[in-house]
Amino acid sequence: MHDEDERIDEARVIEQGRQLVASIVNLALSVPAGGDVRWDKLLVALGVSGLAPDERARDLREGPGQSKGALVLEVRWAIEAGLAPLLELLDQPWRLRELGEQALRDYLGAVKPRISTSSIFANALATTKPIVSGGASASAEPCRFCGAPRADRSKPSCRYCGESFT
């Protein structure tokens, strides 16, 4: 019976994580592009230091091209911070980690503007355009997660969404 109680508790923890992730994503979707005061308050409550306003503006300009919502990178940080204490309670934390990763993929799909396929040239330009940052052109190889240009090949993760390149 002890095993059954543990499974019930694990199921309860996973459900709590699911609700937490849903509330983070729902708020992230409801704010204007880059976030607002409500988003900043959530980040503070989760112990996450968000980007400075000038960094947010830069990420909106140069990043994966989102049309609405909190920055993908900050949403990743919020989900990770919210789930961290719950992950410690689980024997198999991968289930909850995967739930958070899927929520982030769904969020990215919701905030990125849709690219029309009516013109193959417009589609090609939209997905491979290099940016100029600090005088150096970014690589045409985009992040496999968010599609943002990979501006610095020496970094192990995307500066816009936090996805690892390895």
Foldseek 3Di string as FASTA:
>chain_A
DVVVVLVVVLVVLLVVLLVQLVVLLVQQQPAFQAGDPVNVVLCVVLVHDDDDPVVSVVCCVQHLPFGTGHFLQSSLVSSCSVCVVSLVSDPDSVVSVVSNVVSSLVSLVVGHDDQDPPDVVSVLCSQQPWDADPNDTFHSDADPRRSGTHRDPVDQARPRNGHGPD
